[in-house]
Amino acid sequence: PPVWKVFPAVAPPPPSGIALASAGMASARQRITQLSQREDLLMTNFAQEATTVEALYNEAMKEEASVAWNERIARMVCTALESCSECARSQLCGWCLVEGRCLPGDRFGLFAGSPESCPAYSYSGCDPMSR
């Protein structure tokens, strides 16, 4: 009978430096592609958010201009009212008991940011207790 000779298993030779470098380059290219796609997505999201922020800013600026305009109108209306009874009928004004003049405000007091101050402000009435 034939005699079979068993040879020990031989491990494949280690990859060459060129094969390792090629594998590393392929992995790096794949990672660069992933990062580039992520960058594109982030830039798209950023552009959308920037557009939203700009729209909100423009809306806020219009609102601020509207508030300033409304305050000017209220100031003009209130300063034209010369008596407490006239002032009390306006929904834009209140009477300053100390200074004896009509000032822009509401039931909570003078409008925020008003340059005037009044320690005894009365809204919708001439009685100092009718705040």
Protein backbone atom coordinates (compact mmCIF):
# COMPACT_ATOMS: atom_id res chain seq x y z
CA PRO A 1 0.00 0.00 0.00
CA PRO A 2 1.17 3.47 -0.71
CA VAL A 3 2.42 5.48 2.17
CA TRP A 4 1.10 8.90 2.37
CA LYS A 5 3.33 11.38 3.82
CA VAL A 6 1.61 14.13 5.80
CA PHE A 7 3.14 17.55 5.55
CA PRO A 8 2.37 20.13 8.18
CA ALA A 9 0.02 22.93 7.03
CA VAL A 10 1.90 25.87 5.76
CA ALA A 11 0.58 29.35 6.59
CA PRO A 12 0.12 31.65 3.63
CA PRO A 13 2.85 34.21 3.27
CA PRO A 14 2.15 37.54 4.96
CA PRO A 15 0.75 40.23 2.68
CA SER A 16 3.35 42.34 1.01
CA GLY A 17 3.84 46.01 1.82
CA ILE A 18 2.13 46.92 -1.44
CA ALA A 19 -0.96 44.85 -0.59
CA LEU A 20 -1.17 46.44 2.86
CA ALA A 21 -0.78 49.92 1.41
CA SER A 22 -3.48 49.22 -1.21
CA ALA A 23 -5.89 47.99 1.46
CA GLY A 24 -5.15 51.06 3.60
CA MET A 25 -5.72 53.38 0.65
CA ALA A 26 -9.04 51.72 -0.18
CA SER A 27 -10.15 52.08 3.43
CA ALA A 28 -9.05 55.74 3.48
CA ARG A 29 -10.91 56.45 0.22
CA GLN A 30 -14.06 54.89 1.65
CA ARG A 31 -13.76 56.97 4.84
CA ILE A 32 -13.18 60.15 2.79
CA THR A 33 -16.32 59.42 0.76
CA GLN A 34 -18.34 58.91 3.97
CA LEU A 35 -16.98 62.13 5.49
CA SER A 36 -17.66 64.06 2.29
CA GLN A 37 -21.27 62.83 2.25
CA ARG A 38 -21.64 63.79 5.91
CA GLU A 39 -20.19 67.23 5.19
CA ASP A 40 -22.68 67.72 2.33
CA LEU A 41 -25.57 66.79 4.62
CA LEU A 42 -24.35 69.11 7.39
CA MET A 43 -23.89 71.99 4.94
CA THR A 44 -27.40 71.46 3.55
CA ASN A 45 -28.86 71.43 7.07
CA PHE A 46 -26.83 74.50 7.98
CA ALA A 47 -28.06 76.38 4.91
CA GLN A 48 -31.66 75.51 5.78
CA GLU A 49 -31.19 76.63 9.39
CA ALA A 50 -29.48 79.84 8.29
CA THR A 51 -32.42 80.60 6.00
CA THR A 52 -34.84 79.99 8.87
CA VAL A 53 -32.82 82.21 11.21
CA GLU A 54 -32.69 84.98 8.62
CA ALA A 55 -36.46 84.78 8.12
CA LEU A 56 -37.04 84.93 11.89
CA TYR A 57 -34.66 87.87 12.20
CA ASN A 58 -36.49 89.75 9.43
CA GLU A 59 -39.82 88.98 11.09
CA ALA A 60 -38.50 90.25 14.45
CA MET A 61 -37.22 93.44 12.82
CA LYS A 62 -40.64 94.06 11.25
CA GLU A 63 -42.31 93.39 14.60
CA GLU A 64 -39.92 95.77 16.35
CA ALA A 65 -40.65 98.47 13.77
CA SER A 66 -44.37 97.83 14.22
CA VAL A 67 -44.08 98.13 18.01
CA ALA A 68 -42.09 101.34 17.68
CA TRP A 69 -44.71 102.71 15.29
CA ASN A 70 -47.54 101.72 17.66
CA GLU A 71 -45.73 103.37 20.57
CA ARG A 72 -45.35 106.60 18.57
CA ILE A 73 -49.05 106.53 17.70
CA ALA A 74 -50.00 105.88 21.35
CA ARG A 75 -47.72 108.72 22.49
CA MET A 76 -49.31 111.09 19.96
CA VAL A 77 -52.84 110.07 21.00
CA CYS A 78 -52.13 110.26 24.72
CA THR A 79 -50.34 113.62 24.64
CA ALA A 80 -53.30 115.08 22.72
CA LEU A 81 -55.66 114.13 25.55
CA GLU A 82 -55.67 116.94 28.07
CA SER A 83 -57.97 115.79 30.84
CA CYS A 84 -58.08 112.73 33.03
CA SER A 85 -61.58 111.87 31.85
CA GLU A 86 -60.50 111.96 28.17
CA CYS A 87 -57.43 109.91 29.00
CA ALA A 88 -59.46 107.34 30.97
CA ARG A 89 -61.64 106.64 27.91
CA SER A 90 -58.62 105.69 25.79
CA GLN A 91 -57.43 102.10 25.81
CA LEU A 92 -53.91 103.27 24.96
CA CYS A 93 -53.40 105.65 27.85
CA GLY A 94 -53.38 106.18 31.58
CA TRP A 95 -53.33 109.29 33.70
CA CYS A 96 -50.29 110.33 35.67
CA LEU A 97 -51.77 111.79 38.83
CA VAL A 98 -48.50 113.39 39.91
CA GLU A 99 -47.77 115.18 36.65
CA GLY A 100 -51.40 115.68 35.63
CA ARG A 101 -50.91 114.35 32.10
CA CYS A 102 -51.93 111.46 29.90
CA LEU A 103 -49.22 108.87 29.16
CA PRO A 104 -49.16 105.75 26.96
CA GLY A 105 -49.78 102.54 28.87
CA ASP A 106 -52.28 99.91 29.87
CA ARG A 107 -53.73 98.38 33.03
CA PHE A 108 -50.28 97.10 33.97
CA GLY A 109 -48.68 100.54 33.85
CA LEU A 110 -46.63 102.55 31.42
CA PHE A 111 -45.52 100.69 28.33
CA ALA A 112 -42.18 98.91 28.71
CA GLY A 113 -39.32 101.05 27.48
CA SER A 114 -41.30 104.24 27.93
CA PRO A 115 -39.03 107.21 28.58
CA GLU A 116 -41.58 108.62 31.04
CA SER A 117 -41.95 107.57 34.62
CA CYS A 118 -44.94 108.09 36.84
CA PRO A 119 -45.18 107.00 40.47
CA ALA A 120 -48.98 107.38 40.51
CA TYR A 121 -50.34 106.00 37.23
CA SER A 122 -54.06 105.34 36.86
CA TYR A 123 -55.56 103.39 33.96
CA SER A 124 -59.22 103.74 32.95
CA GLY A 125 -60.05 106.08 35.81
CA CYS A 126 -59.07 109.24 37.59
CA ASP A 127 -59.07 107.73 41.05
CA PRO A 128 -55.54 106.98 42.31
CA MET A 129 -56.78 103.58 43.48
CA SER A 130 -58.13 102.57 40.02
CA ARG A 131 -55.05 100.96 38.66
